């Protein structure tokens, strides 16, 4: 047919061939000569050695191996970054929040809450500790000092009774014997009570008590030996009695005086320390009020509102806490410093004067036992009388400042002064009787306690009246001291709980006051 194309020639393999340059011809040529294509590809692969590839595009870094040290260093850096990445992120978020007005309000509230609670907690703990220490002073330290006082006075009284009973004609009376035994028993019990409140590491004080307890049986043994020889009519009994009195006055009583002075000083020091104002906790409360005022000013600058009810309430609560603590501190100082000093001064002077009176009485009796001159004892007796008058003056002065002073104490002072004057007169007559050799009159003046109507009082009767009056005044002075300690303890009641409660309420008031301002932004 004219215009028809001839069919393409079929290749030996059954494929048709096309004109040269067509796509079909290209495929045929490629399929028929696979070796040539592979050769050219291999040739291109061999010829392409990478020389014409830029250095920064090569992938030879895949074959590089890093060192172990560099690997560890990179691992440590990764761990550090992983550890601090989250905290750093939180820090940035918090800092960003604090830079805003709500953040500033929250920061101010947190700082105020911390300051108020810290100040309240500090004052609460300080008041609680002071209350406990005052209770220890009242229940342990002061009774220990009183036990040392009883030890001191009981030993001196026992020596006085022993020498007086030795002078009496014949066998000493049952009353004198009972008084002597009671004084020794009271001294031994007081020594035990004194050691009960002493710390184990206070070796010096414990050694004093041990020496006293060891020497008391020696003293009582000498006294019993003197009494036995006196009943048998042996003159050596006087030597034993003098030796016993010398042991008491030169060794036992000085140790007891040292113990009494140490315990009294301990009571005085603790009382002075516990009645000082609590300046540090009080400064914390004042600082909290200052922070509240500054926060109120900052809040006004940020919100243009002059007053915040919550902050005002917190300031008022902290002001109440300051007034309460200040009143408690003033009451404690008033009762514990001025009142205690006024009460402790006659306590010490009366105790010392009573001991001097007992020793003067013992010297008076020993002069009779030894049949020696008493002219040397007149000087010591005069100083004893002066000490007693001075102690009574101190007590009168303390009574003048004491609003609770009673008429009974004034009567005791009058009784003590009257007995002292009678004793001075009897002592002068005793000295005259000894100097003139009137031994019977001297014995009567030194031992007779019965008052004869119309006759001047004896030395023994006057001394007994004086010792009784001094003993009652000392007991009253001790009661006054304990009353002042109790007043200081009462002033600290409820302070700890009240201050802590007021601080918590102030913290709540701060957050209640700042809440409306925060709601304006959130």
Protein backbone atom coordinates (compact mmCIF):
# COMPACT_ATOMS: atom_id res chain seq x y z
CA UNK A 1 0.00 0.00 0.00
CA UNK A 2 1.28 3.36 -1.05
CA UNK A 3 2.45 5.45 1.97
CA UNK A 4 2.71 2.49 4.29
CA UNK A 5 5.83 2.10 6.28
CA UNK A 6 7.83 -0.98 6.32
CA UNK A 7 7.80 -2.86 9.52
CA UNK A 8 10.95 -2.59 11.49
CA UNK A 9 13.53 -5.17 11.06
CA UNK A 10 13.58 -7.84 13.70
CA UNK A 11 16.84 -8.55 15.23
CA UNK A 12 18.12 -12.03 15.61
CA UNK A 13 16.97 -12.08 19.18
CA UNK A 14 13.44 -11.20 18.15
CA UNK A 15 13.78 -7.45 18.86
CA UNK A 16 13.07 -4.79 16.36
CA UNK A 17 15.63 -2.22 15.41
CA UNK A 18 15.10 1.42 14.69
CA UNK A 19 16.90 4.17 12.91
CA UNK A 20 20.15 5.38 14.25
CA UNK A 21 19.83 8.16 16.89
CA UNK A 22 16.44 7.11 18.13
CA UNK A 23 15.73 6.08 21.71
CA UNK A 24 15.16 2.54 20.57
CA UNK A 25 18.53 2.47 18.88
CA UNK A 26 20.18 3.74 22.09
CA UNK A 27 18.59 1.01 24.13
CA UNK A 28 19.60 -1.63 21.66
CA UNK A 29 23.15 -0.43 21.60
CA UNK A 30 23.35 -0.34 25.42
CA UNK A 31 21.89 -3.79 25.80
CA UNK A 32 24.05 -5.32 23.14
CA UNK A 33 27.32 -3.97 24.55
CA UNK A 34 27.08 -4.37 28.34
CA UNK A 35 30.79 -4.96 28.67
CA UNK A 36 31.66 -1.64 27.15
CA UNK A 37 29.37 0.22 29.52
CA UNK A 38 30.81 -1.56 32.51
CA UNK A 39 34.28 -0.86 31.30
CA UNK A 40 33.55 2.80 30.94
CA UNK A 41 31.90 2.89 34.39
CA UNK A 42 34.87 1.09 35.90
CA UNK A 43 37.18 3.41 34.13
CA UNK A 44 35.30 6.38 35.45
CA UNK A 45 35.40 4.88 38.94
CA UNK A 46 39.11 4.31 38.76
CA UNK A 47 39.80 7.68 37.25
CA UNK A 48 37.59 9.46 39.84
CA UNK A 49 40.01 9.36 42.84
CA UNK A 50 38.47 12.39 44.49
CA UNK A 51 41.14 14.79 43.41
CA UNK A 52 38.60 17.06 41.82
CA UNK A 53 36.24 17.00 44.90
CA UNK A 54 36.54 19.99 47.28
CA UNK A 55 38.17 19.27 50.63
CA UNK A 56 35.19 20.39 52.72
CA UNK A 57 32.80 18.05 50.88
CA UNK A 58 34.72 14.85 51.45
CA UNK A 59 33.26 12.32 53.88
CA UNK A 60 36.53 10.96 55.19
CA UNK A 61 35.60 12.33 58.70
CA UNK A 62 33.36 9.32 59.05
CA UNK A 63 36.45 7.20 59.37
CA UNK A 64 38.08 9.37 62.07
CA UNK A 65 38.18 7.95 65.64
CA UNK A 66 38.22 10.32 68.62
CA UNK A 67 40.44 9.67 71.65
CA UNK A 68 39.09 8.32 74.97
CA UNK A 69 40.01 11.50 76.85
CA UNK A 70 38.08 13.68 74.44
CA UNK A 71 35.15 11.30 74.66
CA UNK A 72 35.14 11.49 78.46
CA UNK A 73 35.40 15.26 78.38
CA UNK A 74 32.48 15.55 76.03
CA UNK A 75 30.49 13.10 78.18
CA UNK A 76 31.15 15.12 81.35
CA UNK A 77 30.04 18.32 79.66
CA UNK A 78 26.87 16.63 78.49
CA UNK A 79 26.13 15.37 81.99
CA UNK A 80 26.73 18.82 83.47
CA UNK A 81 24.44 20.41 80.93
CA UNK A 82 21.80 17.77 81.54
CA UNK A 83 22.06 18.31 85.31
CA UNK A 84 21.79 22.09 85.34
CA UNK A 85 19.68 22.65 82.30
CA UNK A 86 16.35 22.23 84.10
CA UNK A 87 17.31 24.27 87.20
CA UNK A 88 18.68 26.98 84.95
CA UNK A 89 15.44 26.99 83.01
CA UNK A 90 13.43 27.24 86.23
CA UNK A 91 15.70 30.01 87.46
CA UNK A 92 15.14 32.00 84.30
CA UNK A 93 11.41 31.51 84.58
CA UNK A 94 11.37 32.56 88.24
CA UNK A 95 13.57 35.57 87.55
CA UNK A 96 11.34 36.56 84.68
CA UNK A 97 8.29 36.23 86.94
CA UNK A 98 9.90 38.28 89.71
CA UNK A 99 10.58 41.06 87.25
CA UNK A 100 6.83 41.51 86.84
CA UNK A 101 4.56 43.34 89.28
CA UNK A 102 2.82 40.15 90.52
CA UNK A 103 6.25 38.61 91.04
CA UNK A 104 7.34 41.59 93.11
CA UNK A 105 4.21 41.31 95.24
CA UNK A 106 4.84 37.61 95.83
CA UNK A 107 8.51 38.25 96.65
CA UNK A 108 7.60 40.96 99.17
CA UNK A 109 5.05 38.67 100.81
CA UNK A 110 7.50 35.77 101.04
CA UNK A 111 10.22 37.97 102.56
CA UNK A 112 7.78 39.45 105.08
CA UNK A 113 6.44 36.03 106.03
CA UNK A 114 9.94 34.68 106.58
CA UNK A 115 11.04 37.68 108.64
CA UNK A 116 7.91 37.71 110.82
CA UNK A 117 7.92 33.98 111.49
CA UNK A 118 11.67 33.92 112.18
CA UNK A 119 11.36 36.79 114.66
CA UNK A 120 8.37 35.20 116.39
CA UNK A 121 9.99 31.77 116.54
CA UNK A 122 13.22 33.19 117.96
CA UNK A 123 11.40 35.12 120.67
CA UNK A 124 9.19 32.13 121.46
CA UNK A 125 12.17 29.81 121.88
CA UNK A 126 14.09 32.37 123.94
CA UNK A 127 11.13 32.91 126.28
CA UNK A 128 10.59 29.17 126.63
CA UNK A 129 14.26 28.58 127.48
CA UNK A 130 14.21 31.41 130.01
CA UNK A 131 11.12 29.99 131.67
CA UNK A 132 12.72 26.56 131.98
CA UNK A 133 15.95 27.99 133.40
CA UNK A 134 14.04 30.08 135.95
CA UNK A 135 12.18 26.95 136.97
CA UNK A 136 15.52 25.14 137.44
CA UNK A 137 16.76 28.07 139.52
CA UNK A 138 13.67 27.92 141.71
CA UNK A 139 13.54 24.14 142.14
CA UNK A 140 17.22 23.11 142.09
CA UNK A 141 19.82 25.87 142.38
CA UNK A 142 18.23 27.91 145.17
CA UNK A 143 17.33 24.86 147.32
CA UNK A 144 20.92 23.68 146.94
CA UNK A 145 22.14 27.05 148.22
CA UNK A 146 19.71 26.86 151.11
CA UNK A 147 20.98 23.38 151.95
CA UNK A 148 24.54 24.76 152.04
CA UNK A 149 23.28 27.52 154.35
CA UNK A 150 21.69 24.94 156.65
CA UNK A 151 24.92 22.93 156.63
CA UNK A 152 26.94 25.98 157.62
CA UNK A 153 24.63 27.17 160.40
CA UNK A 154 23.90 23.67 161.74
CA UNK A 155 27.59 22.85 162.15
CA UNK A 156 28.25 26.12 163.92
CA UNK A 157 25.21 25.62 166.13
CA UNK A 158 26.27 22.06 166.99
CA UNK A 159 29.67 23.30 168.14
CA UNK A 160 28.06 25.99 170.28
CA UNK A 161 25.66 23.52 171.89
CA UNK A 162 28.45 20.99 172.51
CA UNK A 163 30.70 23.47 174.31
CA UNK A 164 27.79 24.87 176.32
CA UNK A 165 26.70 21.39 177.41
CA UNK A 166 30.26 20.54 178.38
CA UNK A 167 30.38 23.47 180.81
CA UNK A 168 27.17 22.49 182.58
CA UNK A 169 27.70 20.80 185.91
CA UNK A 170 27.16 17.06 185.94
CA UNK A 171 25.64 15.22 183.01
CA UNK A 172 24.30 17.46 180.28
CA UNK A 173 20.55 17.79 180.09
CA UNK A 174 18.41 15.75 177.71
CA UNK A 175 17.30 18.92 175.95
CA UNK A 176 20.88 19.97 175.24
CA UNK A 177 21.70 16.49 173.98
CA UNK A 178 18.65 16.46 171.70
CA UNK A 179 19.49 19.88 170.25
CA UNK A 180 23.05 18.76 169.56
CA UNK A 181 21.93 15.56 167.82
CA UNK A 182 19.35 17.47 165.78
CA UNK A 183 22.00 19.95 164.62
CA UNK A 184 24.37 17.15 163.55
CA UNK A 185 21.58 15.27 161.77
CA UNK A 186 20.48 18.42 159.97
CA UNK A 187 24.07 19.09 158.91
CA UNK A 188 24.49 15.60 157.45
CA UNK A 189 21.20 15.80 155.55
CA UNK A 190 22.08 19.27 154.27
CA UNK A 191 25.43 18.01 152.99
CA UNK A 192 23.63 15.29 151.04
CA UNK A 193 21.10 17.78 149.65
CA UNK A 194 23.88 20.14 148.61
CA UNK A 195 25.63 17.45 146.59
CA UNK A 196 22.41 16.45 144.81
CA UNK A 197 22.32 19.56 142.63
CA UNK A 198 26.03 19.75 141.78
CA UNK A 199 27.27 18.72 138.35
CA UNK A 200 29.57 15.73 138.16
CA UNK A 201 32.37 17.76 136.56
CA UNK A 202 32.41 20.26 139.45
CA UNK A 203 35.13 18.38 141.26
CA UNK A 204 36.11 21.22 143.59
CA UNK A 205 32.65 21.57 145.14
CA UNK A 206 32.20 17.81 145.42
CA UNK A 207 35.57 17.60 147.17
CA UNK A 208 34.47 20.26 149.67
CA UNK A 209 31.36 18.27 150.56
CA UNK A 210 33.37 15.04 150.80
CA UNK A 211 35.84 16.69 153.19
CA UNK A 212 33.01 17.99 155.38
CA UNK A 213 31.27 14.62 155.49
CA UNK A 214 34.54 12.89 156.34
CA UNK A 215 35.44 15.30 159.16
CA UNK A 216 32.03 15.41 160.87
CA UNK A 217 32.40 11.87 162.34
CA UNK A 218 35.86 12.81 163.59
CA UNK A 219 34.39 15.86 165.30
CA UNK A 220 31.54 13.94 166.91
CA UNK A 221 34.02 11.29 168.09
CA UNK A 222 36.14 13.93 169.82
CA UNK A 223 33.04 15.43 171.44
CA UNK A 224 31.89 12.06 172.77
CA UNK A 225 35.37 11.35 174.11
CA UNK A 226 35.39 14.72 175.86
CA UNK A 227 31.97 14.06 177.40
CA UNK A 228 33.00 10.61 178.61
CA UNK A 229 36.13 11.93 180.28
CA UNK A 230 34.18 14.84 181.75
CA UNK A 231 31.66 12.47 183.35
CA UNK A 232 34.54 10.42 184.75
CA UNK A 233 36.18 13.54 186.15
CA UNK A 234 39.25 13.30 183.91
CA UNK A 235 40.74 16.73 183.12
CA UNK A 236 41.79 15.45 179.70
CA UNK A 237 38.19 15.93 178.61
CA UNK A 238 38.86 19.67 178.32
CA UNK A 239 41.65 18.98 175.83
CA UNK A 240 39.38 16.75 173.73
CA UNK A 241 36.65 19.40 173.76
CA UNK A 242 39.09 22.11 172.74
CA UNK A 243 40.45 19.87 169.97
CA UNK A 244 36.95 19.19 168.67
CA UNK A 245 36.04 22.88 168.66
CA UNK A 246 39.34 23.73 166.95
CA UNK A 247 38.63 21.14 164.23
CA UNK A 248 35.18 22.60 163.69
CA UNK A 249 36.25 26.24 163.57
CA UNK A 250 39.50 25.85 161.63
CA UNK A 251 38.64 23.16 159.08
CA UNK A 252 34.99 22.18 158.87
CA UNK A 253 33.36 25.61 159.13
CA UNK A 254 35.73 27.25 156.59
CA UNK A 255 34.87 24.51 154.08
CA UNK A 256 31.17 24.98 154.80
CA UNK A 257 31.55 28.74 154.39
CA UNK A 258 33.26 28.25 151.02
CA UNK A 259 30.46 25.94 149.88
CA UNK A 260 27.80 28.41 151.01
CA UNK A 261 29.54 31.31 149.24
CA UNK A 262 29.88 29.30 146.02
CA UNK A 263 26.23 28.21 145.94
CA UNK A 264 24.98 31.69 146.85
CA UNK A 265 27.10 33.20 144.10
CA UNK A 266 25.72 30.64 141.66
CA UNK A 267 22.15 31.63 142.53
CA UNK A 268 22.98 35.32 142.20
CA UNK A 269 24.72 34.88 138.84
CA UNK A 270 21.91 32.79 137.36
CA UNK A 271 19.30 35.24 138.58
CA UNK A 272 21.19 38.17 137.08
CA UNK A 273 21.65 36.37 133.76
CA UNK A 274 18.02 35.25 133.49
CA UNK A 275 16.58 38.68 134.25
CA UNK A 276 18.45 40.65 131.59
CA UNK A 277 16.32 42.00 128.71
CA UNK A 278 16.11 39.78 125.63
CA UNK A 279 17.74 42.29 123.30
CA UNK A 280 18.47 39.96 120.37
CA UNK A 281 14.96 38.45 120.02
CA UNK A 282 13.45 41.88 120.61
CA UNK A 283 15.56 43.32 117.80
CA UNK A 284 14.10 40.64 115.52
CA UNK A 285 10.57 41.80 116.32
CA UNK A 286 11.51 45.42 115.68
CA UNK A 287 13.12 44.40 112.38
CA UNK A 288 9.90 42.63 111.35
CA UNK A 289 7.90 45.81 112.02
CA UNK A 290 10.44 47.82 110.01
CA UNK A 291 10.11 45.41 107.07
CA UNK A 292 6.33 45.75 107.25
CA UNK A 293 6.59 49.54 107.03
CA UNK A 294 9.00 49.33 104.09
CA UNK A 295 6.72 46.82 102.34
CA UNK A 296 3.76 49.13 102.87
CA UNK A 297 5.69 51.94 101.18
CA UNK A 298 6.71 49.71 98.27
CA UNK A 299 3.14 48.52 97.86
CA UNK A 300 2.00 52.13 97.71
CA UNK A 301 4.58 52.86 95.01
CA UNK A 302 3.41 49.92 92.92
CA UNK A 303 -0.37 50.08 93.40
CA UNK A 304 -0.89 53.75 94.30
CA UNK A 305 -2.86 52.70 97.36
CA UNK A 306 -1.56 54.23 100.55
CA UNK A 307 -2.79 51.68 103.08
CA UNK A 308 -3.22 47.92 102.99
CA UNK A 309 -5.50 46.44 105.61
CA UNK A 310 -3.66 43.15 105.80
CA UNK A 311 -0.28 44.82 106.26
CA UNK A 312 -1.75 47.19 108.85
CA UNK A 313 -3.19 44.23 110.77
CA UNK A 314 0.17 42.44 110.65
CA UNK A 315 1.94 45.56 111.92
CA UNK A 316 -0.55 45.89 114.77
CA UNK A 317 -0.09 42.22 115.74
CA UNK A 318 3.69 42.54 115.81
CA UNK A 319 3.39 45.76 117.84
CA UNK A 320 1.27 43.87 120.39
CA UNK A 321 3.95 41.17 120.55
CA UNK A 322 6.64 43.80 121.17
CA UNK A 323 4.63 45.45 123.94
CA UNK A 324 3.90 42.08 125.56
CA UNK A 325 7.53 40.97 125.49
CA UNK A 326 8.76 44.36 126.69
CA UNK A 327 6.37 44.33 129.64
CA UNK A 328 7.43 40.78 130.50
CA UNK A 329 11.11 41.70 130.32
CA UNK A 330 10.59 44.76 132.50
CA UNK A 331 8.65 42.76 135.10
CA UNK A 332 11.31 40.06 135.13
CA UNK A 333 14.07 42.63 135.48
CA UNK A 334 12.19 44.51 138.20
CA UNK A 335 11.53 41.36 140.21
CA UNK A 336 14.74 39.51 139.48
CA UNK A 337 17.31 42.28 139.63
CA UNK A 338 16.20 45.03 141.96
CA UNK A 339 13.92 42.92 144.14
CA UNK A 340 16.27 39.95 144.31
CA UNK A 341 19.25 42.13 145.17
CA UNK A 342 17.30 43.86 147.91
CA UNK A 343 16.27 40.48 149.34
CA UNK A 344 19.60 38.68 148.90
CA UNK A 345 21.65 41.40 150.60
CA UNK A 346 20.06 40.89 154.05
CA UNK A 347 20.05 37.12 153.44
CA UNK A 348 23.83 37.07 153.10
CA UNK A 349 24.53 39.57 155.86
CA UNK A 350 22.12 37.93 158.32
CA UNK A 351 23.63 34.50 157.65
CA UNK A 352 27.17 35.80 158.14
CA UNK A 353 26.22 37.68 161.31
CA UNK A 354 24.47 34.64 162.76
CA UNK A 355 27.57 32.52 162.17
CA UNK A 356 29.69 35.20 163.84
CA UNK A 357 27.33 35.26 166.80
CA UNK A 358 27.56 31.48 167.15
CA UNK A 359 31.35 31.57 167.00
CA UNK A 360 31.43 34.39 169.56
CA UNK A 361 29.22 32.30 171.80
CA UNK A 362 31.54 29.31 171.34
CA UNK A 363 34.60 31.42 172.18
CA UNK A 364 32.83 32.69 175.26
CA UNK A 365 32.11 29.15 176.43
CA UNK A 366 35.57 27.80 175.56
CA UNK A 367 37.13 30.55 177.67
CA UNK A 368 35.08 29.21 180.54
CA UNK A 369 36.14 25.62 179.81
CA UNK A 370 39.82 26.46 179.65
CA UNK A 371 39.67 28.89 182.60
CA UNK A 372 41.50 31.46 180.50
CA UNK A 373 41.24 35.22 180.16
CA UNK A 374 38.47 36.54 177.92
CA UNK A 375 40.00 39.94 177.34
CA UNK A 376 41.07 38.86 173.86
CA UNK A 377 37.51 37.85 173.02
CA UNK A 378 36.14 41.33 173.73
CA UNK A 379 37.46 42.66 170.43
CA UNK A 380 35.90 39.83 168.41
CA UNK A 381 32.67 40.18 170.38
CA UNK A 382 32.52 43.87 169.53
CA UNK A 383 33.00 43.19 165.82
CA UNK A 384 30.28 40.54 166.01
CA UNK A 385 27.85 43.04 167.53
CA UNK A 386 28.68 45.55 164.78
CA UNK A 387 28.08 42.92 162.08
CA UNK A 388 24.71 42.01 163.59
CA UNK A 389 23.61 45.65 163.73
CA UNK A 390 24.69 46.15 160.11
CA UNK A 391 22.75 43.06 159.01
CA UNK A 392 19.65 44.30 160.81
CA UNK A 393 20.04 47.68 159.11
CA UNK A 394 20.21 45.94 155.72
CA UNK A 395 17.06 44.02 156.50
CA UNK A 396 15.25 47.19 157.57
CA UNK A 397 16.32 48.90 154.36
CA UNK A 398 15.06 45.98 152.28
CA UNK A 399 11.80 46.00 154.22
CA UNK A 400 11.38 49.68 153.44
CA UNK A 401 11.45 48.89 149.69
CA UNK A 402 9.22 45.85 150.04
CA UNK A 403 5.52 46.70 149.61
CA UNK A 404 4.59 43.37 151.20
CA UNK A 405 6.55 43.99 154.40
CA UNK A 406 4.74 42.83 157.50
CA UNK A 407 4.68 44.14 161.03
CA UNK A 408 5.93 40.77 162.30
CA UNK A 409 9.30 41.35 160.66
CA UNK A 410 9.65 44.73 162.33
CA UNK A 411 8.86 43.08 165.65
CA UNK A 412 11.59 40.50 164.99
CA UNK A 413 14.09 43.26 164.26
CA UNK A 414 13.22 44.96 167.55
CA UNK A 415 13.54 41.63 169.36
CA UNK A 416 16.95 40.99 167.79
CA UNK A 417 18.26 44.42 168.75
CA UNK A 418 16.98 44.06 172.30
CA UNK A 419 18.52 40.59 172.66
CA UNK A 420 21.84 41.87 171.28
CA UNK A 421 21.92 44.70 173.81
CA UNK A 422 21.13 42.25 176.63
CA UNK A 423 23.86 39.90 175.42
CA UNK A 424 26.41 42.72 175.35
CA UNK A 425 25.56 43.61 178.96
CA UNK A 426 25.71 39.97 180.06
CA UNK A 427 29.03 39.51 178.26
CA UNK A 428 30.51 42.46 180.12
CA UNK A 429 29.41 40.93 183.44
CA UNK A 430 30.81 37.57 182.30
CA UNK A 431 34.20 39.16 181.59
CA UNK A 432 34.21 40.82 185.01
CA UNK A 433 33.36 37.52 186.72
CA UNK A 434 36.15 35.70 184.88
CA UNK A 435 38.70 38.40 185.64
CA UNK A 436 37.78 38.47 189.34
CA UNK A 437 37.84 34.68 189.65
CA UNK A 438 34.12 34.35 190.30
CA UNK A 439 33.85 31.11 188.33
CA UNK A 440 30.41 30.16 189.65
CA UNK A 441 28.90 33.46 188.48
CA UNK A 442 30.60 33.07 185.11
CA UNK A 443 29.14 29.58 184.73
CA UNK A 444 25.68 30.86 185.66
CA UNK A 445 25.87 33.67 183.11
CA UNK A 446 27.14 31.33 180.37
CA UNK A 447 24.76 28.41 180.88
CA UNK A 448 21.54 29.54 182.57
CA UNK A 449 18.69 30.20 180.15
CA UNK A 450 15.97 30.77 182.74
CA UNK A 451 15.04 34.39 183.25
CA UNK A 452 14.72 35.45 186.89
CA UNK A 453 12.20 38.26 187.46
CA UNK A 454 13.98 41.47 188.35
CA UNK A 455 17.42 40.07 187.48
CA UNK A 456 19.32 41.07 184.34
CA UNK A 457 19.26 38.45 181.56
CA UNK A 458 22.14 36.01 181.27
CA UNK A 459 24.39 35.60 178.24
CA UNK A 460 22.87 32.21 177.42
CA UNK A 461 19.29 33.49 177.51
CA UNK A 462 20.13 36.61 175.51
CA UNK A 463 22.00 34.59 172.89
CA UNK A 464 19.11 32.14 172.50
CA UNK A 465 16.68 35.01 171.90
CA UNK A 466 19.05 36.65 169.42
CA UNK A 467 19.68 33.41 167.52
CA UNK A 468 15.96 32.71 167.30
CA UNK A 469 15.22 36.19 165.96
CA UNK A 470 18.04 35.99 163.40
CA UNK A 471 16.85 32.55 162.30
CA UNK A 472 13.32 33.84 161.67
CA UNK A 473 14.61 36.89 159.79
CA UNK A 474 16.80 34.67 157.60
CA UNK A 475 13.81 32.47 156.80
CA UNK A 476 11.80 35.55 155.86
CA UNK A 477 14.64 36.85 153.65
CA UNK A 478 14.75 33.52 151.87
CA UNK A 479 10.99 33.61 151.34
CA UNK A 480 11.35 37.08 149.82
CA UNK A 481 14.06 35.86 147.45
CA UNK A 482 11.95 32.94 146.30
CA UNK A 483 8.96 35.26 145.89
CA UNK A 484 10.97 37.50 143.56
CA UNK A 485 12.14 34.48 141.57
CA UNK A 486 8.52 33.33 141.34
CA UNK A 487 7.51 36.78 140.12
CA UNK A 488 10.12 36.59 137.38
CA UNK A 489 8.89 33.14 136.43
CA UNK A 490 5.27 34.31 136.38
CA UNK A 491 6.21 37.21 134.10
CA UNK A 492 7.40 34.74 131.46
CA UNK A 493 4.19 32.71 131.49
CA UNK A 494 2.35 32.54 128.14
CA UNK A 495 4.93 34.78 126.44
CA UNK A 496 6.29 31.96 124.30
CA UNK A 497 2.88 30.78 123.09
CA UNK A 498 1.45 34.28 122.66
CA UNK A 499 4.33 35.60 120.55
CA UNK A 500 4.31 32.56 118.27
CA UNK A 501 0.54 32.81 117.80
CA UNK A 502 0.72 36.54 117.04
CA UNK A 503 3.47 35.91 114.49
CA UNK A 504 1.42 33.26 112.67
CA UNK A 505 -1.59 35.59 112.59
CA UNK A 506 0.62 38.37 111.21
CA UNK A 507 1.83 36.08 108.39
CA UNK A 508 -1.77 35.22 107.51
CA UNK A 509 -2.69 38.92 107.55
CA UNK A 510 0.12 39.68 105.08
CA UNK A 511 -1.14 37.13 102.55
CA UNK A 512 -4.76 38.17 103.04
CA UNK A 513 -3.75 41.77 102.42
CA UNK A 514 -1.74 41.05 99.27
CA UNK A 515 -4.32 38.69 97.75
CA UNK A 516 -6.59 41.42 96.25
CA UNK A 517 -3.59 43.10 94.64
CA UNK A 518 -2.49 39.82 93.06
CA UNK A 519 -5.98 39.19 91.71
CA UNK A 520 -5.75 42.43 89.77
CA UNK A 521 -2.94 40.96 87.67
CA UNK A 522 -3.75 37.26 87.56
